[in-house]
N, C-alpha and C. Protein backbone atom coordinates (compact mmCIF):
# COMPACT_ATOMS: atom_id res chain seq x y z
N MET A 1 101.00 -2.84 -65.20
CA MET A 1 99.36 -3.41 -65.47
C MET A 1 99.24 -4.24 -64.78
N LYS A 2 99.90 -5.44 -64.73
CA LYS A 2 99.64 -6.52 -64.18
C LYS A 2 99.12 -6.13 -62.68
N SER A 3 100.40 -5.45 -61.96
CA SER A 3 99.47 -5.30 -60.74
C SER A 3 98.26 -4.63 -60.26
N PHE A 4 97.62 -3.42 -61.49
CA PHE A 4 96.55 -2.89 -61.21
C PHE A 4 95.90 -4.23 -61.78
N ASN A 5 95.96 -5.18 -62.25
CA ASN A 5 94.89 -5.99 -62.82
C ASN A 5 94.83 -6.98 -61.55
N LEU A 6 95.70 -7.30 -60.64
CA LEU A 6 95.56 -8.17 -59.41
C LEU A 6 95.24 -7.40 -58.29
N ILE A 7 95.44 -6.12 -58.37
CA ILE A 7 94.64 -5.22 -57.31
C ILE A 7 92.88 -5.10 -57.55
N LEU A 8 92.62 -4.98 -58.97
CA LEU A 8 91.30 -5.15 -59.17
C LEU A 8 90.56 -6.59 -58.58
N ILE A 9 91.17 -7.33 -59.31
CA ILE A 9 90.81 -9.07 -58.81
C ILE A 9 90.34 -8.83 -57.48
N LEU A 10 91.18 -8.55 -56.71
CA LEU A 10 91.34 -8.77 -55.25
C LEU A 10 90.26 -7.78 -54.43
N ALA A 11 89.84 -6.74 -55.07
CA ALA A 11 89.27 -6.11 -55.09
C ALA A 11 87.78 -6.08 -55.00
N LEU A 12 87.50 -6.80 -56.50
CA LEU A 12 86.24 -7.28 -56.79
C LEU A 12 85.82 -8.05 -55.65
N SER A 13 86.92 -9.40 -55.69
CA SER A 13 86.67 -10.34 -54.51
C SER A 13 86.19 -10.29 -53.27
N PHE A 14 86.73 -9.13 -52.74
CA PHE A 14 86.52 -8.74 -51.34
C PHE A 14 85.49 -8.21 -51.37
N PHE A 15 84.78 -7.53 -52.08
CA PHE A 15 83.17 -6.55 -51.97
C PHE A 15 82.25 -7.82 -52.21
N SER A 16 82.39 -8.69 -53.22
CA SER A 16 81.34 -9.87 -53.47
C SER A 16 81.43 -10.78 -52.69
N ALA A 17 82.88 -10.93 -51.74
CA ALA A 17 82.29 -11.81 -50.66
C ALA A 17 82.08 -10.92 -49.36
N CYS A 18 81.88 -9.82 -49.45
CA CYS A 18 81.30 -9.17 -47.92
C CYS A 18 79.88 -9.31 -48.44
N ASN A 19 79.19 -9.32 -49.64
CA ASN A 19 77.92 -8.64 -49.78
C ASN A 19 77.24 -10.41 -50.18
N SER A 20 78.22 -11.52 -49.93
CA SER A 20 77.42 -12.93 -50.19
C SER A 20 76.64 -13.24 -48.81
N THR A 21 75.28 -13.78 -48.75
CA THR A 21 74.48 -14.23 -47.57
C THR A 21 74.73 -15.62 -47.56
N GLN A 22 75.00 -15.91 -48.65
CA GLN A 22 75.40 -18.24 -48.33
C GLN A 22 76.54 -18.17 -47.05
N SER A 23 77.41 -17.39 -47.22
CA SER A 23 78.15 -17.81 -46.57
C SER A 23 78.71 -16.82 -44.69
N SER A 24 77.56 -16.22 -44.68
CA SER A 24 77.50 -15.74 -43.26
C SER A 24 77.05 -16.45 -42.23
N GLY A 25 76.17 -17.53 -42.96
CA GLY A 25 75.72 -18.29 -41.55
C GLY A 25 74.44 -17.59 -41.33
N ALA A 26 73.90 -16.29 -41.80
CA ALA A 26 72.69 -16.59 -41.48
C ALA A 26 71.67 -17.49 -41.76
N LYS A 27 70.89 -17.87 -40.96
CA LYS A 27 69.91 -19.51 -41.43
C LYS A 27 68.26 -18.39 -41.29
N GLU A 28 67.30 -18.94 -41.74
CA GLU A 28 65.81 -18.22 -41.50
C GLU A 28 65.64 -19.03 -40.21
N PRO A 29 64.90 -18.50 -39.86
CA PRO A 29 64.23 -19.20 -38.17
C PRO A 29 63.36 -20.66 -38.68
N LYS A 30 63.48 -21.45 -38.05
CA LYS A 30 62.82 -22.44 -38.03
C LYS A 30 61.19 -22.49 -37.49
N SER A 31 61.12 -21.64 -36.74
CA SER A 31 59.29 -21.88 -36.37
C SER A 31 59.15 -20.66 -36.44
N LYS A 32 57.78 -20.32 -36.87
CA LYS A 32 57.75 -19.07 -36.59
C LYS A 32 56.89 -18.49 -35.05
N SER A 33 57.46 -17.79 -34.46
CA SER A 33 56.83 -17.23 -33.54
C SER A 33 55.37 -16.79 -33.52
N ARG A 34 54.77 -16.91 -32.36
CA ARG A 34 53.40 -16.22 -32.07
C ARG A 34 53.24 -14.92 -31.81
N VAL A 35 53.12 -13.45 -32.09
CA VAL A 35 53.19 -12.21 -31.52
C VAL A 35 51.90 -11.66 -31.73
N CYS A 36 51.68 -10.87 -30.63
CA CYS A 36 50.62 -10.10 -30.48
C CYS A 36 50.27 -9.39 -31.12
N PRO A 37 48.98 -9.00 -31.72
CA PRO A 37 49.16 -8.13 -32.77
C PRO A 37 48.82 -6.68 -32.16
N LYS A 38 47.93 -6.48 -30.98
CA LYS A 38 48.13 -5.60 -30.04
C LYS A 38 49.63 -5.06 -29.93
N CYS A 39 50.08 -5.48 -29.12
CA CYS A 39 51.52 -4.92 -28.01
C CYS A 39 52.88 -5.46 -28.99
N HIS A 40 52.59 -6.42 -29.72
CA HIS A 40 53.60 -6.63 -30.66
C HIS A 40 54.62 -7.55 -29.70
N MET A 41 54.34 -8.30 -28.95
CA MET A 41 54.95 -8.99 -27.85
C MET A 41 55.23 -10.47 -27.82
N GLU A 42 56.13 -11.00 -28.18
CA GLU A 42 56.27 -12.79 -28.41
C GLU A 42 55.57 -13.13 -27.09
N LEU A 43 54.61 -14.30 -27.96
CA LEU A 43 53.56 -15.28 -26.67
C LEU A 43 54.86 -16.04 -25.83
N ASP A 44 54.37 -16.14 -24.60
CA ASP A 44 54.92 -17.00 -23.89
C ASP A 44 54.84 -18.27 -24.53
N LYS A 45 55.88 -19.39 -24.17
CA LYS A 45 55.38 -20.83 -25.06
C LYS A 45 54.47 -21.54 -23.70
N SER A 46 54.21 -21.16 -22.71
CA SER A 46 53.28 -22.43 -21.98
C SER A 46 51.90 -21.34 -22.23
N ASN A 47 51.78 -20.61 -22.99
CA ASN A 47 49.99 -20.24 -23.29
C ASN A 47 49.12 -19.28 -22.16
N THR A 48 49.86 -19.51 -20.71
CA THR A 48 49.31 -19.40 -19.46
C THR A 48 47.87 -18.23 -19.44
N HIS A 49 48.10 -17.05 -20.18
CA HIS A 49 47.62 -16.11 -20.19
C HIS A 49 46.75 -15.95 -21.70
N SER A 50 46.74 -16.77 -22.74
CA SER A 50 46.88 -15.98 -23.89
C SER A 50 45.36 -16.41 -24.10
N ALA A 51 44.88 -15.74 -25.76
CA ALA A 51 43.67 -16.13 -26.15
C ALA A 51 43.83 -15.72 -27.40
N SER A 52 43.18 -16.59 -28.38
CA SER A 52 43.04 -16.31 -30.02
C SER A 52 41.38 -15.78 -30.41
N LEU A 53 41.54 -15.69 -31.88
CA LEU A 53 40.34 -14.78 -32.28
C LEU A 53 40.77 -15.28 -33.47
N ALA A 54 39.80 -15.54 -34.32
CA ALA A 54 39.76 -16.03 -35.52
C ALA A 54 39.41 -14.90 -36.37
N LYS A 55 39.86 -14.37 -37.53
CA LYS A 55 39.17 -13.46 -38.51
C LYS A 55 40.24 -13.25 -40.00
N ASN A 56 38.65 -13.56 -40.73
CA ASN A 56 39.58 -13.85 -42.44
C ASN A 56 40.48 -15.17 -42.07
N ASP A 57 39.74 -15.86 -41.95
CA ASP A 57 40.49 -17.51 -41.76
C ASP A 57 42.27 -17.21 -41.16
N THR A 58 42.78 -16.36 -40.81
CA THR A 58 43.79 -15.99 -39.98
C THR A 58 43.53 -16.11 -38.49
N ILE A 59 44.22 -16.86 -37.44
CA ILE A 59 44.14 -16.94 -36.31
C ILE A 59 44.90 -15.75 -35.53
N TYR A 60 44.74 -14.86 -34.74
CA TYR A 60 45.70 -13.98 -33.89
C TYR A 60 45.49 -14.67 -32.93
N TYR A 61 47.09 -14.63 -31.97
CA TYR A 61 47.01 -14.90 -30.81
C TYR A 61 47.61 -13.39 -29.77
N PHE A 62 46.90 -13.55 -28.73
CA PHE A 62 47.49 -12.51 -27.98
C PHE A 62 47.67 -13.00 -26.72
N ASP A 63 48.57 -11.88 -26.25
CA ASP A 63 49.66 -12.12 -24.77
C ASP A 63 48.69 -12.24 -23.50
N ASP A 64 47.78 -11.18 -23.73
CA ASP A 64 46.74 -11.09 -22.63
C ASP A 64 45.60 -10.93 -22.68
N ILE A 65 44.42 -11.28 -21.88
CA ILE A 65 43.31 -11.02 -22.44
C ILE A 65 42.84 -9.24 -22.77
N GLY A 66 43.78 -8.57 -22.03
CA GLY A 66 43.30 -7.52 -22.34
C GLY A 66 43.82 -7.10 -23.87
N CYS A 67 44.83 -7.53 -24.34
CA CYS A 67 45.30 -7.25 -25.45
C CYS A 67 44.26 -7.09 -26.28
N LEU A 68 43.62 -8.59 -26.35
CA LEU A 68 42.51 -8.92 -27.11
C LEU A 68 40.96 -8.28 -27.19
N VAL A 69 40.46 -8.01 -26.05
CA VAL A 69 39.80 -6.81 -25.79
C VAL A 69 40.20 -5.55 -26.60
N LEU A 70 41.19 -4.86 -26.32
CA LEU A 70 41.26 -3.75 -27.13
C LEU A 70 41.21 -3.81 -28.67
N TRP A 71 42.19 -4.64 -29.08
CA TRP A 71 42.54 -4.90 -30.16
C TRP A 71 41.26 -5.41 -30.77
N SER A 72 40.54 -6.20 -30.84
CA SER A 72 38.63 -6.35 -31.25
C SER A 72 38.26 -5.03 -30.92
N ASN A 73 38.30 -4.20 -30.23
CA ASN A 73 37.64 -2.94 -29.96
C ASN A 73 37.98 -2.05 -31.15
N GLU A 74 39.02 -2.17 -31.16
CA GLU A 74 39.85 -1.26 -32.21
C GLU A 74 39.36 -1.72 -34.06
N ASN A 75 39.48 -2.61 -33.87
CA ASN A 75 39.37 -3.41 -35.42
C ASN A 75 37.85 -3.91 -35.27
N GLY A 76 37.01 -3.49 -34.44
CA GLY A 76 35.19 -3.50 -34.70
C GLY A 76 34.98 -4.93 -35.29
N LEU A 77 35.52 -6.14 -34.15
CA LEU A 77 35.28 -7.54 -34.46
C LEU A 77 34.69 -7.55 -32.41
N ASP A 78 34.17 -8.69 -33.06
CA ASP A 78 32.78 -9.21 -31.61
C ASP A 78 33.79 -10.36 -30.74
N ALA A 79 34.62 -9.92 -29.12
CA ALA A 79 35.66 -10.60 -28.71
C ALA A 79 35.09 -11.77 -27.99
N LYS A 80 33.54 -11.28 -28.47
CA LYS A 80 33.11 -13.32 -27.30
C LYS A 80 33.41 -14.11 -28.70
N ASP A 81 34.08 -14.24 -29.87
CA ASP A 81 34.26 -15.17 -30.74
C ASP A 81 35.47 -15.59 -30.27
N ALA A 82 36.07 -15.11 -29.34
CA ALA A 82 37.62 -15.57 -28.51
C ALA A 82 37.61 -16.68 -28.02
N LYS A 83 38.71 -17.50 -28.19
CA LYS A 83 39.20 -18.20 -26.92
C LYS A 83 40.01 -18.09 -26.17
N VAL A 84 39.58 -18.37 -24.77
CA VAL A 84 40.57 -18.15 -24.02
C VAL A 84 41.46 -19.35 -23.23
N PHE A 85 42.77 -18.84 -22.90
CA PHE A 85 43.03 -20.25 -22.14
C PHE A 85 43.20 -20.45 -20.96
N THR A 86 42.76 -20.87 -20.18
CA THR A 86 42.06 -21.09 -18.99
C THR A 86 43.37 -21.56 -18.20
N LYS A 87 43.52 -21.36 -16.72
CA LYS A 87 44.36 -21.63 -15.53
C LYS A 87 44.20 -22.54 -14.82
N ASP A 88 42.60 -23.08 -14.58
CA ASP A 88 42.88 -24.02 -14.23
C ASP A 88 42.42 -25.47 -14.87
N SER A 89 42.24 -25.42 -16.15
CA SER A 89 42.05 -26.83 -17.08
C SER A 89 43.38 -26.83 -18.18
N ALA A 90 44.07 -25.74 -18.39
CA ALA A 90 45.21 -25.13 -19.28
C ALA A 90 44.47 -25.81 -20.27
N ARG A 91 43.55 -25.36 -21.01
CA ARG A 91 43.11 -25.56 -22.36
C ARG A 91 42.46 -24.44 -23.07
N TYR A 92 42.44 -23.92 -24.08
CA TYR A 92 41.07 -23.28 -24.44
C TYR A 92 39.69 -23.05 -24.07
N VAL A 93 38.94 -22.60 -23.94
CA VAL A 93 37.50 -22.44 -24.28
C VAL A 93 37.08 -21.27 -24.82
N ASP A 94 36.03 -21.09 -25.66
CA ASP A 94 34.99 -19.92 -25.46
C ASP A 94 35.25 -18.77 -24.76
N ALA A 95 35.36 -17.29 -25.40
CA ALA A 95 35.62 -16.28 -23.64
C ALA A 95 34.44 -16.35 -23.02
N PRO A 96 33.39 -16.47 -24.12
CA PRO A 96 32.24 -15.79 -22.84
C PRO A 96 31.67 -17.24 -21.86
N ASP A 97 32.48 -18.70 -22.20
CA ASP A 97 31.94 -19.55 -21.20
C ASP A 97 33.08 -19.44 -19.60
N ALA A 98 33.89 -19.11 -20.09
CA ALA A 98 34.85 -18.56 -19.19
C ALA A 98 34.49 -17.52 -17.91
N HIS A 99 34.97 -18.12 -16.56
CA HIS A 99 35.08 -16.90 -15.53
C HIS A 99 36.51 -16.44 -15.29
N TYR A 100 36.45 -15.25 -15.05
CA TYR A 100 37.44 -14.40 -14.75
C TYR A 100 38.11 -13.77 -13.24
N LYS A 101 39.23 -13.66 -12.66
CA LYS A 101 38.96 -13.28 -11.53
C LYS A 101 40.32 -12.15 -12.32
N ILE A 102 40.25 -11.40 -11.37
CA ILE A 102 41.01 -10.19 -11.58
C ILE A 102 42.45 -10.01 -10.14
N GLY A 103 43.62 -9.75 -10.71
CA GLY A 103 44.59 -9.65 -9.43
C GLY A 103 45.84 -10.28 -9.68
N GLU A 104 45.77 -11.09 -10.72
CA GLU A 104 46.89 -11.49 -10.81
C GLU A 104 47.94 -10.96 -11.90
N LYS A 105 49.05 -11.60 -11.50
CA LYS A 105 50.21 -10.61 -12.44
C LYS A 105 50.01 -11.67 -14.28
N THR A 106 50.05 -10.70 -15.23
CA THR A 106 49.81 -11.13 -16.21
C THR A 106 50.67 -10.33 -17.40
N PRO A 107 50.87 -11.01 -18.41
CA PRO A 107 52.13 -9.60 -19.22
C PRO A 107 51.95 -8.76 -19.37
N MET A 108 50.80 -7.75 -19.80
CA MET A 108 50.76 -6.62 -19.99
C MET A 108 49.91 -6.18 -18.76
N SER A 109 50.09 -6.96 -17.82
CA SER A 109 49.25 -6.21 -16.42
C SER A 109 48.25 -6.02 -16.60
N TYR A 110 47.16 -6.44 -17.37
CA TYR A 110 46.11 -5.97 -16.86
C TYR A 110 45.05 -6.78 -15.98
N GLY A 111 45.85 -8.09 -15.58
CA GLY A 111 45.01 -8.90 -14.49
C GLY A 111 44.11 -9.74 -14.43
N PHE A 112 43.53 -9.78 -15.70
CA PHE A 112 42.25 -10.87 -15.63
C PHE A 112 42.93 -12.06 -16.24
N VAL A 113 42.77 -13.04 -15.18
CA VAL A 113 42.88 -14.67 -15.85
C VAL A 113 41.48 -15.55 -16.18
N ALA A 114 41.29 -16.34 -16.85
CA ALA A 114 40.22 -17.27 -16.84
C ALA A 114 40.68 -18.41 -16.69
N PHE A 115 39.02 -19.23 -16.01
CA PHE A 115 38.75 -20.33 -15.38
C PHE A 115 37.99 -21.08 -15.68
N GLU A 116 38.36 -21.86 -16.69
CA GLU A 116 37.08 -23.04 -16.68
C GLU A 116 35.77 -23.40 -15.90
N ASN A 117 36.08 -23.61 -14.46
CA ASN A 117 35.75 -23.84 -13.79
C ASN A 117 35.09 -22.97 -12.94
N SER A 118 33.97 -22.62 -12.81
CA SER A 118 33.59 -21.38 -11.24
C SER A 118 34.22 -21.23 -10.20
N LEU A 119 34.84 -20.15 -9.96
CA LEU A 119 35.35 -19.97 -8.46
C LEU A 119 34.43 -18.71 -7.76
N ASP A 120 34.48 -18.63 -6.80
CA ASP A 120 34.13 -17.54 -5.44
C ASP A 120 34.50 -16.40 -6.25
N GLU A 121 33.94 -15.24 -6.01
CA GLU A 121 34.29 -14.24 -6.84
C GLU A 121 34.48 -13.65 -8.20
N THR A 122 34.22 -14.54 -9.04
CA THR A 122 34.48 -14.31 -10.55
C THR A 122 33.48 -13.67 -11.12
N ILE A 123 33.85 -13.14 -12.22
CA ILE A 123 32.97 -11.90 -13.37
C ILE A 123 32.86 -13.16 -14.86
N ASP A 124 32.05 -12.45 -15.50
CA ASP A 124 31.79 -13.12 -16.67
C ASP A 124 32.61 -12.01 -17.80
N PHE A 125 32.49 -12.91 -19.05
CA PHE A 125 33.37 -11.72 -20.03
C PHE A 125 32.83 -10.10 -20.82
N ASP A 126 31.51 -10.38 -20.33
CA ASP A 126 31.45 -9.07 -20.63
C ASP A 126 31.51 -7.89 -19.51
N GLU A 127 31.46 -7.98 -18.26
CA GLU A 127 32.20 -7.52 -17.33
C GLU A 127 33.73 -7.18 -17.48
N VAL A 128 34.49 -8.33 -18.10
CA VAL A 128 36.04 -8.01 -17.97
C VAL A 128 36.18 -6.90 -19.26
N SER A 129 35.20 -7.38 -20.26
CA SER A 129 35.44 -6.12 -21.48
C SER A 129 35.07 -4.86 -21.18
N ILE A 130 34.39 -4.63 -20.53
CA ILE A 130 34.14 -3.29 -20.02
C ILE A 130 35.22 -3.23 -18.92
N LYS A 131 35.17 -3.85 -18.19
CA LYS A 131 36.47 -2.61 -17.22
C LYS A 131 37.80 -2.46 -17.91
N ILE A 132 38.13 -3.52 -18.89
CA ILE A 132 39.42 -3.32 -19.54
C ILE A 132 39.14 -2.01 -20.27
N LEU A 133 38.37 -1.95 -21.30
CA LEU A 133 37.76 -0.74 -21.67
C LEU A 133 37.88 0.79 -21.04
N ARG A 134 37.43 0.52 -19.91
CA ARG A 134 37.06 1.55 -19.06
C ARG A 134 38.56 2.34 -18.25
N GLY A 135 39.34 1.37 -18.47
CA GLY A 135 41.00 1.78 -18.04
C GLY A 135 40.99 0.57 -16.43
N GLU A 136 39.95 -0.16 -16.15
CA GLU A 136 39.74 -0.54 -14.56
C GLU A 136 40.51 -1.71 -14.80
N HIS A 137 41.71 -1.81 -14.98
CA HIS A 137 42.30 -3.35 -14.75
C HIS A 137 43.46 -2.79 -13.87
N MET A 138 44.56 -4.25 -13.82
CA MET A 138 45.80 -4.19 -13.04
C MET A 138 47.32 -3.02 -13.51
N ALA A 139 46.51 -2.80 -14.57
CA ALA A 139 47.81 -1.84 -15.23
C ALA A 139 47.50 -0.16 -15.27
N ASN A 140 46.26 0.14 -14.15
CA ASN A 140 46.20 1.30 -13.85
C ASN A 140 46.48 1.10 -12.26
N PRO A 141 47.32 2.07 -12.07
CA PRO A 141 47.99 2.19 -10.49
C PRO A 141 46.76 2.17 -9.83
N LYS A 142 45.72 3.24 -9.63
CA LYS A 142 44.54 3.55 -9.01
C LYS A 142 43.71 2.22 -8.69
N ILE A 143 43.41 1.39 -9.56
CA ILE A 143 43.12 0.01 -9.74
C ILE A 143 43.57 -1.38 -8.71
N ARG A 144 45.04 -0.86 -9.29
CA ARG A 144 45.69 -2.12 -8.99
C ARG A 144 45.90 -1.69 -7.23
N LYS A 145 46.12 -0.80 -6.82
CA LYS A 145 45.73 -0.44 -5.31
C LYS A 145 44.49 -0.62 -4.35
N GLN A 146 43.63 -0.50 -5.41
CA GLN A 146 42.34 -0.71 -4.83
C GLN A 146 42.32 -2.58 -4.44
N ILE A 147 42.95 -2.94 -5.42
CA ILE A 147 42.71 -4.36 -5.60
C ILE A 147 43.79 -5.39 -4.86
N LEU A 148 44.70 -4.93 -4.44
CA LEU A 148 46.08 -5.16 -3.77
C LEU A 148 45.74 -4.95 -2.37
N GLY A 149 45.09 -3.37 -1.80
CA GLY A 149 44.79 -3.06 -0.65
C GLY A 149 45.78 -2.50 -0.19
N TYR A 150 46.74 -1.73 -0.52
CA TYR A 150 48.07 -0.92 -0.33
C TYR A 150 47.76 0.64 -0.95
């Protein structure tokens, strides 16, 4: 009987130790990462191609301007209320005030990059939105071939 009690105690302590979360060494992450609501990809720390949009006191961050436009369209929001991170000044500006070029490598391959200062052959935010919604972006192989010239 004593050996049965001993085995029972050992078995219970073994199983309770296996289910314990305190001694497992698992910790909650100290900082919350920003994840794009459209493609669910974690944003790069550099913000190089990112955009943000506020909705109901929540700020949503996007890894690519294309994700911003598509997600806004799917959720019935006006993407013109967004802010985009500009390549030349490295800061967020209102999306309609930025100038855009296509042809760069971006996280989701849409290829649009925002600039705060005007450059040659840039387009405005309305045209960017129309092109993304039509599929006229660098993620489309036919468009990429036209833009890159091969």
